[in-house]
Amino acid sequence: MTEEIEADVTVDARGSACPGPLMDLIGKVKSVDSGTVVELLTGDEGSKNDVPEWVDEAGHEHLDTVDEGDYYSIYVQKS
């Protein structure tokens, strides 16, 4: 990642197993305004694939997935 993405809202789903992190993200994305950047923190390996797939299907934008070592930061912008 060349530049830091500034999240407007963070959803901390570390410790939740699939499909928990994705469901937490979906709930948050539904409650925010268009253009909002949501950061999902998750230790669930499956979220790396599940979240971008859902984002694409839902018409939002997957900005980045950052491996933080023991968890991932996944950035989504609501369309």
Protein backbone atom coordinates (compact mmCIF):
# COMPACT_ATOMS: atom_id res chain seq x y z
CA MET A 1 0.00 0.00 0.00
CA THR A 2 1.52 3.30 -1.03
CA GLU A 3 -0.59 5.59 1.14
CA GLU A 4 -2.56 5.25 4.35
CA ILE A 5 -6.32 4.92 3.90
CA GLU A 6 -8.27 7.03 6.37
CA ALA A 7 -11.31 5.12 7.62
CA ASP A 8 -14.41 7.00 8.73
CA VAL A 9 -15.69 4.03 10.75
CA THR A 10 -13.97 0.92 12.12
CA VAL A 11 -15.66 -2.43 12.76
CA ASP A 12 -13.56 -4.59 15.08
CA ALA A 13 -14.55 -8.19 14.37
CA ARG A 14 -11.30 -9.76 15.56
CA GLY A 15 -12.13 -12.95 17.42
CA SER A 16 -15.29 -13.59 15.38
CA ALA A 17 -15.45 -16.62 13.12
CA CYS A 18 -16.96 -16.73 9.64
CA PRO A 19 -19.53 -15.43 8.77
CA GLY A 20 -19.42 -13.02 11.74
CA PRO A 21 -16.97 -10.43 10.35
CA LEU A 22 -18.81 -10.20 7.03
CA MET A 23 -22.20 -9.88 8.75
CA ASP A 24 -20.81 -7.15 11.04
CA LEU A 25 -19.49 -5.30 7.98
CA ILE A 26 -22.77 -5.61 6.08
CA GLY A 27 -24.68 -4.22 9.06
CA LYS A 28 -22.34 -1.24 9.35
CA VAL A 29 -22.29 -0.49 5.61
CA LYS A 30 -26.11 -0.42 5.59
CA SER A 31 -26.12 2.19 8.37
CA VAL A 32 -23.64 4.70 6.91
CA ASP A 33 -23.90 7.31 4.15
CA SER A 34 -22.57 6.88 0.61
CA GLY A 35 -18.87 7.68 0.35
CA THR A 36 -18.11 6.47 3.88
CA VAL A 37 -14.94 4.39 4.24
CA VAL A 38 -15.41 1.43 6.60
CA GLU A 39 -12.43 -0.47 7.97
CA LEU A 40 -13.05 -4.09 9.01
CA LEU A 41 -10.58 -5.60 11.45
CA THR A 42 -10.70 -9.39 11.24
CA GLY A 43 -8.54 -12.35 12.13
CA ASP A 44 -10.69 -14.66 10.00
CA GLU A 45 -8.67 -15.89 7.02
CA GLY A 46 -11.82 -16.38 4.91
CA SER A 47 -12.68 -12.69 5.13
CA LYS A 48 -9.84 -11.88 2.70
CA ASN A 49 -11.92 -13.50 -0.05
CA ASP A 50 -15.48 -13.22 1.28
CA VAL A 51 -15.46 -9.46 1.84
CA PRO A 52 -14.19 -8.43 -1.64
CA GLU A 53 -16.70 -10.85 -3.24
CA TRP A 54 -19.60 -9.33 -1.27
CA VAL A 55 -18.40 -5.77 -1.93
CA ASP A 56 -18.32 -6.46 -5.67
CA GLU A 57 -21.79 -8.05 -5.66
CA ALA A 58 -23.24 -5.23 -3.54
CA GLY A 59 -21.76 -2.52 -5.78
CA HIS A 60 -19.42 -0.95 -3.24
CA GLU A 61 -15.66 -0.44 -3.62
CA HIS A 62 -12.96 -2.62 -2.06
CA LEU A 63 -10.13 -0.18 -1.44
CA ASP A 64 -7.49 -2.46 0.08
CA THR A 65 -6.74 -5.46 2.30
CA VAL A 66 -3.74 -5.00 4.58
CA ASP A 67 -2.11 -7.92 6.39
CA GLU A 68 -1.35 -6.55 9.86
CA GLY A 69 0.31 -9.77 11.02
CA ASP A 70 -2.26 -11.38 13.31
CA TYR A 71 -5.29 -9.78 11.65
CA TYR A 72 -6.39 -8.02 8.45
CA SER A 73 -7.60 -4.47 7.86
CA ILE A 74 -10.08 -4.50 4.99
CA TYR A 75 -11.19 -1.13 3.64
CA VAL A 76 -14.55 -0.68 1.90
CA GLN A 77 -16.13 2.48 0.53
CA LYS A 78 -19.91 2.54 0.37
CA SER A 79 -21.21 3.57 -3.05
